[in-house]
Every structure is written in structure tokens, then in C-alpha cells.
PDB file of N, CA and C in Angstrom:
ATOM      1  N   MET A   1     -24.022   8.114 115.311  1.00  0.00           N
ATOM      2  CA  MET A   1     -24.675   7.262 114.353  1.00  0.00           C
ATOM      3  C   MET A   1     -24.141   5.862 114.568  1.00  0.00           C
ATOM      4  N   SER A   2     -25.002   4.899 114.454  1.00  0.00           N
ATOM      5  CA  SER A   2     -24.611   3.512 114.645  1.00  0.00           C
ATOM      6  C   SER A   2     -25.104   2.704 113.452  1.00  0.00           C
ATOM      7  N   ILE A   3     -24.211   1.958 112.857  1.00  0.00           N
ATOM      8  CA  ILE A   3     -24.527   1.154 111.688  1.00  0.00           C
ATOM      9  C   ILE A   3     -24.191  -0.298 112.005  1.00  0.00           C
ATOM     10  N   ARG A   4     -25.058  -1.197 111.636  1.00  0.00           N
ATOM     11  CA  ARG A   4     -24.793  -2.621 111.841  1.00  0.00           C
ATOM     12  C   ARG A   4     -24.349  -3.215 110.507  1.00  0.00           C
ATOM     13  N   ALA A   5     -23.127  -3.712 110.466  1.00  0.00           N
ATOM     14  CA  ALA A   5     -22.593  -4.332 109.259  1.00  0.00           C
ATOM     15  C   ALA A   5     -22.530  -5.840 109.469  1.00  0.00           C
ATOM     16  N   ARG A   6     -23.099  -6.585 108.559  1.00  0.00           N
ATOM     17  CA  ARG A   6     -23.193  -8.043 108.724  1.00  0.00           C
ATOM     18  C   ARG A   6     -21.852  -8.721 108.931  1.00  0.00           C
ATOM     19  N   THR A   7     -20.830  -8.294 108.237  1.00  0.00           N
ATOM     20  CA  THR A   7     -19.568  -9.030 108.294  1.00  0.00           C
ATOM     21  C   THR A   7     -18.646  -8.577 109.423  1.00  0.00           C
ATOM     22  N   VAL A   8     -18.916  -7.449 110.042  1.00  0.00           N
ATOM     23  CA  VAL A   8     -18.014  -6.978 111.088  1.00  0.00           C
ATOM     24  C   VAL A   8     -18.707  -6.738 112.416  1.00  0.00           C
ATOM     25  N   GLY A   9     -19.991  -7.030 112.529  1.00  0.00           N
ATOM     26  CA  GLY A   9     -20.692  -6.804 113.787  1.00  0.00           C
ATOM     27  C   GLY A   9     -21.196  -5.385 113.894  1.00  0.00           C
ATOM     28  N   HIS A  10     -20.988  -4.784 115.040  1.00  0.00           N
ATOM     29  CA  HIS A  10     -21.502  -3.448 115.315  1.00  0.00           C
ATOM     30  C   HIS A  10     -20.363  -2.435 115.212  1.00  0.00           C
ATOM     31  N   LEU A  11     -20.595  -1.363 114.505  1.00  0.00           N
ATOM     32  CA  LEU A  11     -19.576  -0.347 114.282  1.00  0.00           C
ATOM     33  C   LEU A  11     -20.167   1.019 114.602  1.00  0.00           C
ATOM     34  N   ALA A  12     -19.568   1.737 115.539  1.00  0.00           N
ATOM     35  CA  ALA A  12     -20.036   3.078 115.884  1.00  0.00           C
ATOM     36  C   ALA A  12     -19.290   4.089 115.011  1.00  0.00           C
ATOM     37  N   LEU A  13     -20.044   4.916 114.299  1.00  0.00           N
ATOM     38  CA  LEU A  13     -19.461   5.915 113.404  1.00  0.00           C
ATOM     39  C   LEU A  13     -19.944   7.293 113.815  1.00  0.00           C
ATOM     40  N   LEU A  14     -19.115   8.285 113.577  1.00  0.00           N
ATOM     41  CA  LEU A  14     -19.454   9.657 113.933  1.00  0.00           C
ATOM     42  C   LEU A  14     -20.011  10.385 112.719  1.00  0.00           C
ATOM     43  N   GLY A  15     -21.209  10.927 112.871  1.00  0.00           N
ATOM     44  CA  GLY A  15     -21.811  11.743 111.831  1.00  0.00           C
ATOM     45  C   GLY A  15     -21.870  13.191 112.306  1.00  0.00           C
ATOM     46  N   VAL A  16     -21.421  14.096 111.461  1.00  0.00           N
ATOM     47  CA  VAL A  16     -21.436  15.523 111.787  1.00  0.00           C
ATOM     48  C   VAL A  16     -22.402  16.203 110.829  1.00  0.00           C
ATOM     49  N   ILE A  17     -23.267  17.047 111.380  1.00  0.00           N
ATOM     50  CA  ILE A  17     -24.248  17.746 110.552  1.00  0.00           C
ATOM     51  C   ILE A  17     -24.036  19.254 110.699  1.00  0.00           C
ATOM     52  N   THR A  18     -23.951  19.922 109.572  1.00  0.00           N
ATOM     53  CA  THR A  18     -23.823  21.380 109.555  1.00  0.00           C
ATOM     54  C   THR A  18     -24.886  21.940 108.620  1.00  0.00           C
ATOM     55  N   LYS A  19     -25.223  23.189 108.821  1.00  0.00           N
ATOM     56  CA  LYS A  19     -26.203  23.839 107.945  1.00  0.00           C
ATOM     57  C   LYS A  19     -25.453  24.720 106.955  1.00  0.00           C
ATOM     58  N   GLU A  20     -25.742  24.496 105.675  1.00  0.00           N
ATOM     59  CA  GLU A  20     -25.092  25.251 104.607  1.00  0.00           C
ATOM     60  C   GLU A  20     -26.131  25.667 103.580  1.00  0.00           C
ATOM     61  N   ASP A  21     -26.290  26.939 103.371  1.00  0.00           N
ATOM     62  CA  ASP A  21     -27.196  27.466 102.346  1.00  0.00           C
ATOM     63  C   ASP A  21     -28.601  26.868 102.429  1.00  0.00           C
ATOM     64  N   GLY A  22     -29.137  26.790 103.645  1.00  0.00           N
ATOM     65  CA  GLY A  22     -30.505  26.323 103.820  1.00  0.00           C
ATOM     66  C   GLY A  22     -30.688  24.818 103.852  1.00  0.00           C
ATOM     67  N   GLN A  23     -29.614  24.070 103.662  1.00  0.00           N
ATOM     68  CA  GLN A  23     -29.682  22.607 103.739  1.00  0.00           C
ATOM     69  C   GLN A  23     -28.773  22.115 104.850  1.00  0.00           C
ATOM     70  N   TYR A  24     -29.078  20.920 105.337  1.00  0.00           N
ATOM     71  CA  TYR A  24     -28.234  20.289 106.341  1.00  0.00           C
ATOM     72  C   TYR A  24     -27.337  19.275 105.642  1.00  0.00           C
ATOM     73  N   VAL A  25     -26.041  19.417 105.842  1.00  0.00           N
ATOM     74  CA  VAL A  25     -25.054  18.524 105.241  1.00  0.00           C
ATOM     75  C   VAL A  25     -24.576  17.574 106.324  1.00  0.00           C
ATOM     76  N   SER A  26     -24.625  16.278 106.040  1.00  0.00           N
ATOM     77  CA  SER A  26     -24.203  15.263 107.002  1.00  0.00           C
ATOM     78  C   SER A  26     -22.997  14.517 106.443  1.00  0.00           C
ATOM     79  N   VAL A  27     -21.993  14.303 107.307  1.00  0.00           N
ATOM     80  CA  VAL A  27     -20.754  13.659 106.893  1.00  0.00           C
ATOM     81  C   VAL A  27     -20.365  12.617 107.930  1.00  0.00           C
ATOM     82  N   CYS A  28     -20.006  11.426 107.475  1.00  0.00           N
ATOM     83  CA  CYS A  28     -19.424  10.405 108.340  1.00  0.00           C
ATOM     84  C   CYS A  28     -17.918  10.596 108.263  1.00  0.00           C
ATOM     85  N   LEU A  29     -17.328  11.073 109.347  1.00  0.00           N
ATOM     86  CA  LEU A  29     -15.916  11.437 109.336  1.00  0.00           C
ATOM     87  C   LEU A  29     -14.989  10.252 109.090  1.00  0.00           C
ATOM     88  N   GLN A  30     -15.285   9.101 109.680  1.00  0.00           N
ATOM     89  CA  GLN A  30     -14.390   7.953 109.538  1.00  0.00           C
ATOM     90  C   GLN A  30     -14.363   7.397 108.112  1.00  0.00           C
ATOM     91  N   LEU A  31     -15.463   7.530 107.379  1.00  0.00           N
ATOM     92  CA  LEU A  31     -15.539   6.939 106.040  1.00  0.00           C
ATOM     93  C   LEU A  31     -15.428   7.959 104.915  1.00  0.00           C
ATOM     94  N   GLY A  32     -15.638   9.227 105.215  1.00  0.00           N
ATOM     95  CA  GLY A  32     -15.623  10.239 104.171  1.00  0.00           C
ATOM     96  C   GLY A  32     -16.860  10.193 103.297  1.00  0.00           C
ATOM     97  N   VAL A  33     -17.957   9.670 103.848  1.00  0.00           N
ATOM     98  CA  VAL A  33     -19.230   9.582 103.126  1.00  0.00           C
ATOM     99  C   VAL A  33     -20.092  10.760 103.549  1.00  0.00           C
ATOM    100  N   ALA A  34     -20.783  11.377 102.597  1.00  0.00           N
ATOM    101  CA  ALA A  34     -21.592  12.551 102.913  1.00  0.00           C
ATOM    102  C   ALA A  34     -22.958  12.465 102.248  1.00  0.00           C
ATOM    103  N   SER A  35     -23.892  13.217 102.800  1.00  0.00           N
ATOM    104  CA  SER A  35     -25.227  13.349 102.231  1.00  0.00           C
ATOM    105  C   SER A  35     -25.798  14.682 102.705  1.00  0.00           C
ATOM    106  N   CYS A  36     -27.095  14.895 102.477  1.00  0.00           N
ATOM    107  CA  CYS A  36     -27.719  16.135 102.918  1.00  0.00           C
ATOM    108  C   CYS A  36     -29.221  15.935 103.033  1.00  0.00           C
ATOM    109  N   GLY A  37     -29.898  16.960 103.541  1.00  0.00           N
ATOM    110  CA  GLY A  37     -31.350  16.920 103.656  1.00  0.00           C
ATOM    111  C   GLY A  37     -31.884  18.276 104.051  1.00  0.00           C
ATOM    112  N   ASP A  38     -33.200  18.423 103.964  1.00  0.00           N
ATOM    113  CA  ASP A  38     -33.845  19.684 104.319  1.00  0.00           C
ATOM    114  C   ASP A  38     -33.976  19.873 105.822  1.00  0.00           C
ATOM    115  N   THR A  39     -33.905  18.765 106.584  1.00  0.00           N
ATOM    116  CA  THR A  39     -33.974  18.807 108.044  1.00  0.00           C
ATOM    117  C   THR A  39     -32.829  17.974 108.608  1.00  0.00           C
ATOM    118  N   VAL A  40     -32.553  18.138 109.892  1.00  0.00           N
ATOM    119  CA  VAL A  40     -31.517  17.335 110.546  1.00  0.00           C
ATOM    120  C   VAL A  40     -31.873  15.852 110.450  1.00  0.00           C
ATOM    121  N   GLU A  41     -33.144  15.542 110.673  1.00  0.00           N
ATOM    122  CA  GLU A  41     -33.588  14.148 110.626  1.00  0.00           C
ATOM    123  C   GLU A  41     -33.400  13.551 109.229  1.00  0.00           C
ATOM    124  N   GLU A  42     -33.736  14.326 108.213  1.00  0.00           N
ATOM    125  CA  GLU A  42     -33.580  13.852 106.838  1.00  0.00           C
ATOM    126  C   GLU A  42     -32.105  13.679 106.490  1.00  0.00           C
ATOM    127  N   ALA A  43     -31.281  14.613 106.906  1.00  0.00           N
ATOM    128  CA  ALA A  43     -29.840  14.519 106.643  1.00  0.00           C
ATOM    129  C   ALA A  43     -29.249  13.298 107.342  1.00  0.00           C
ATOM    130  N   THR A  44     -29.713  13.010 108.553  1.00  0.00           N
ATOM    131  CA  THR A  44     -29.242  11.837 109.295  1.00  0.00           C
ATOM    132  C   THR A  44     -29.665  10.553 108.586  1.00  0.00           C
ATOM    133  N   ALA A  45     -30.931  10.466 108.215  1.00  0.00           N
ATOM    134  CA  ALA A  45     -31.439   9.279 107.524  1.00  0.00           C
ATOM    135  C   ALA A  45     -30.723   9.075 106.188  1.00  0.00           C
ATOM    136  N   ASN A  46     -30.502  10.159 105.463  1.00  0.00           N
ATOM    137  CA  ASN A  46     -29.823  10.060 104.168  1.00  0.00           C
ATOM    138  C   ASN A  46     -28.374   9.625 104.335  1.00  0.00           C
ATOM    139  N   LEU A  47     -27.719  10.081 105.409  1.00  0.00           N
ATOM    140  CA  LEU A  47     -26.340   9.668 105.663  1.00  0.00           C
ATOM    141  C   LEU A  47     -26.293   8.176 105.994  1.00  0.00           C
ATOM    142  N   LYS A  48     -27.221   7.708 106.812  1.00  0.00           N
ATOM    143  CA  LYS A  48     -27.259   6.272 107.122  1.00  0.00           C
ATOM    144  C   LYS A  48     -27.447   5.462 105.840  1.00  0.00           C
ATOM    145  N   ASP A  49     -28.344   5.904 104.967  1.00  0.00           N
ATOM    146  CA  ASP A  49     -28.550   5.217 103.689  1.00  0.00           C
ATOM    147  C   ASP A  49     -27.273   5.227 102.847  1.00  0.00           C
ATOM    148  N   ALA A  50     -26.578   6.363 102.825  1.00  0.00           N
ATOM    149  CA  ALA A  50     -25.348   6.486 102.038  1.00  0.00           C
ATOM    150  C   ALA A  50     -24.256   5.564 102.581  1.00  0.00           C
ATOM    151  N   VAL A  51     -24.134   5.488 103.899  1.00  0.00           N
ATOM    152  CA  VAL A  51     -23.127   4.615 104.511  1.00  0.00           C
ATOM    153  C   VAL A  51     -23.464   3.151 104.222  1.00  0.00           C
ATOM    154  N   GLU A  52     -24.727   2.798 104.347  1.00  0.00           N
ATOM    155  CA  GLU A  52     -25.128   1.425 104.052  1.00  0.00           C
ATOM    156  C   GLU A  52     -24.857   1.067 102.586  1.00  0.00           C
ATOM    157  N   ALA A  53     -25.116   1.993 101.673  1.00  0.00           N
ATOM    158  CA  ALA A  53     -24.837   1.760 100.254  1.00  0.00           C
ATOM    159  C   ALA A  53     -23.327   1.629 100.021  1.00  0.00           C
ATOM    160  N   TYR A  54     -22.536   2.432 100.725  1.00  0.00           N
ATOM    161  CA  TYR A  54     -21.079   2.362 100.622  1.00  0.00           C
ATOM    162  C   TYR A  54     -20.595   0.991 101.098  1.00  0.00           C
ATOM    163  N   PHE A  55     -21.111   0.528 102.256  1.00  0.00           N
ATOM    164  CA  PHE A  55     -20.741  -0.789 102.763  1.00  0.00           C
ATOM    165  C   PHE A  55     -21.138  -1.880 101.781  1.00  0.00           C
ATOM    166  N   GLU A  56     -22.318  -1.782 101.208  1.00  0.00           N
ATOM    167  CA  GLU A  56     -22.781  -2.800 100.259  1.00  0.00           C
ATOM    168  C   GLU A  56     -21.857  -2.850  99.042  1.00  0.00           C
ATOM    169  N   ALA A  57     -21.458  -1.690  98.536  1.00  0.00           N
ATOM    170  CA  ALA A  57     -20.538  -1.652  97.396  1.00  0.00           C
ATOM    171  C   ALA A  57     -19.198  -2.272  97.767  1.00  0.00           C
ATOM    172  N   LEU A  58     -18.725  -2.009  98.986  1.00  0.00           N
ATOM    173  CA  LEU A  58     -17.466  -2.607  99.432  1.00  0.00           C
ATOM    174  C   LEU A  58     -17.598  -4.119  99.567  1.00  0.00           C
ATOM    175  N   ARG A  59     -18.742  -4.584 100.068  1.00  0.00           N
ATOM    176  CA  ARG A  59     -18.972  -6.034 100.175  1.00  0.00           C
ATOM    177  C   ARG A  59     -18.967  -6.683  98.792  1.00  0.00           C
ATOM    178  N   GLU A  60     -19.663  -6.050  97.846  1.00  0.00           N
ATOM    179  CA  GLU A  60     -19.780  -6.608  96.496  1.00  0.00           C
ATOM    180  C   GLU A  60     -18.426  -6.710  95.806  1.00  0.00           C
ATOM    181  N   THR A  61     -17.503  -5.835  96.146  1.00  0.00           N
ATOM    182  CA  THR A  61     -16.172  -5.848  95.537  1.00  0.00           C
ATOM    183  C   THR A  61     -15.137  -6.499  96.446  1.00  0.00           C
ATOM    184  N   SER A  62     -15.599  -7.096  97.540  1.00  0.00           N
ATOM    185  CA  SER A  62     -14.722  -7.770  98.521  1.00  0.00           C
ATOM    186  C   SER A  62     -13.666  -6.828  99.098  1.00  0.00           C
ATOM    187  N   GLU A  63     -14.011  -5.566  99.248  1.00  0.00           N
ATOM    188  CA  GLU A  63     -13.075  -4.566  99.760  1.00  0.00           C
ATOM    189  C   GLU A  63     -13.395  -4.097 101.176  1.00  0.00           C
ATOM    190  N   LEU A  64     -14.471  -4.604 101.766  1.00  0.00           N
ATOM    191  CA  LEU A  64     -14.912  -4.096 103.067  1.00  0.00           C
ATOM    192  C   LEU A  64     -13.834  -4.227 104.135  1.00  0.00           C
ATOM    193  N   ARG A  65     -13.304  -5.409 104.323  1.00  0.00           N
ATOM    194  CA  ARG A  65     -12.285  -5.641 105.367  1.00  0.00           C
ATOM    195  C   ARG A  65     -11.076  -4.739 105.141  1.00  0.00           C
ATOM    196  N   ARG A  66     -10.592  -4.655 103.900  1.00  0.00           N
ATOM    197  CA  ARG A  66      -9.411  -3.842 103.607  1.00  0.00           C
ATOM    198  C   ARG A  66      -9.645  -2.371 103.930  1.00  0.00           C
ATOM    199  N   VAL A  67     -10.778  -1.830 103.488  1.00  0.00           N
ATOM    200  CA  VAL A  67     -11.068  -0.413 103.715  1.00  0.00           C
ATOM    201  C   VAL A  67     -11.225  -0.124 105.212  1.00  0.00           C
ATOM    202  N   LEU A  68     -11.953  -0.980 105.923  1.00  0.00           N
ATOM    203  CA  LEU A  68     -12.130  -0.758 107.361  1.00  0.00           C
ATOM    204  C   LEU A  68     -10.802  -0.863 108.108  1.00  0.00           C
ATOM    205  N   THR A  69      -9.950  -1.791 107.695  1.00  0.00           N
ATOM    206  CA  THR A  69      -8.628  -1.923 108.322  1.00  0.00           C
ATOM    207  C   THR A  69      -7.779  -0.693 108.038  1.00  0.00           C
ATOM    208  N   GLU A  70      -7.762  -0.229 106.807  1.00  0.00           N
ATOM    209  CA  GLU A  70      -6.980   0.966 106.436  1.00  0.00           C
ATOM    210  C   GLU A  70      -7.412   2.188 107.229  1.00  0.00           C
ATOM    211  N   ARG A  71      -8.704   2.282 107.525  1.00  0.00           N
ATOM    212  CA  ARG A  71      -9.231   3.435 108.249  1.00  0.00           C
ATOM    213  C   ARG A  71      -9.200   3.241 109.764  1.00  0.00           C
ATOM    214  N   GLY A  72      -8.608   2.134 110.212  1.00  0.00           N
ATOM    215  CA  GLY A  72      -8.470   1.883 111.641  1.00  0.00           C
ATOM    216  C   GLY A  72      -9.777   1.466 112.316  1.00  0.00           C
ATOM    217  N   LEU A  73     -10.714   0.931 111.549  1.00  0.00           N
ATOM    218  CA  LEU A  73     -12.004   0.553 112.084  1.00  0.00           C
ATOM    219  C   LEU A  73     -12.149  -0.957 112.290  1.00  0.00           C
ATOM    220  N   ALA A  74     -11.158  -1.717 111.861  1.00  0.00           N
ATOM    221  CA  ALA A  74     -11.163  -3.172 112.034  1.00  0.00           C
ATOM    222  C   ALA A  74      -9.746  -3.629 112.287  1.00  0.00           C
ATOM    223  N   ALA A  75      -9.634  -4.732 112.990  1.00  0.00           N
ATOM    224  CA  ALA A  75      -8.302  -5.286 113.302  1.00  0.00           C
ATOM    225  C   ALA A  75      -7.846  -6.236 112.220  1.00  0.00           C
TER     226      ALA A  75
END
């Protein structure tokens, strides 16, 4: 999965999808963000939306740089 963040450029993130009880669960391992969907494509799209919403919340609270640095995703 690849997400473009305005303040940090391009960031490659790993999304893992597993099937659980008839649904596909998607998780971004580096951020601990998760979502789900009825299909792999839906789970992927929902995870991208969830990550983008997470980044937006971090931007709004001025925490983006700190969180990315703590997780080893920014210098």
C-alpha cells in the first residue's frame, strides 16, 4: 500500500489482509490502523481511507511528525 502524505512526501506502508468470519480484515502494520471489507478490494480501499483519516487527525493535532518519528517512519 502506498499513501501520499502532504507534509512528508511519499511513504510506503505495509497492509496485511486476512479473512476472518467471512470478512476481509486489513491492517497497516507500521501504524496499527485497521479496517475491513466484504472483498479484498474493499478491505484495501477502506484501509487506505482509514490511514488517510488517521494522518489527517495527526495533522490537525500537530502530531504527525512526532508519531512518524516514534514509529521509525521519519527522520
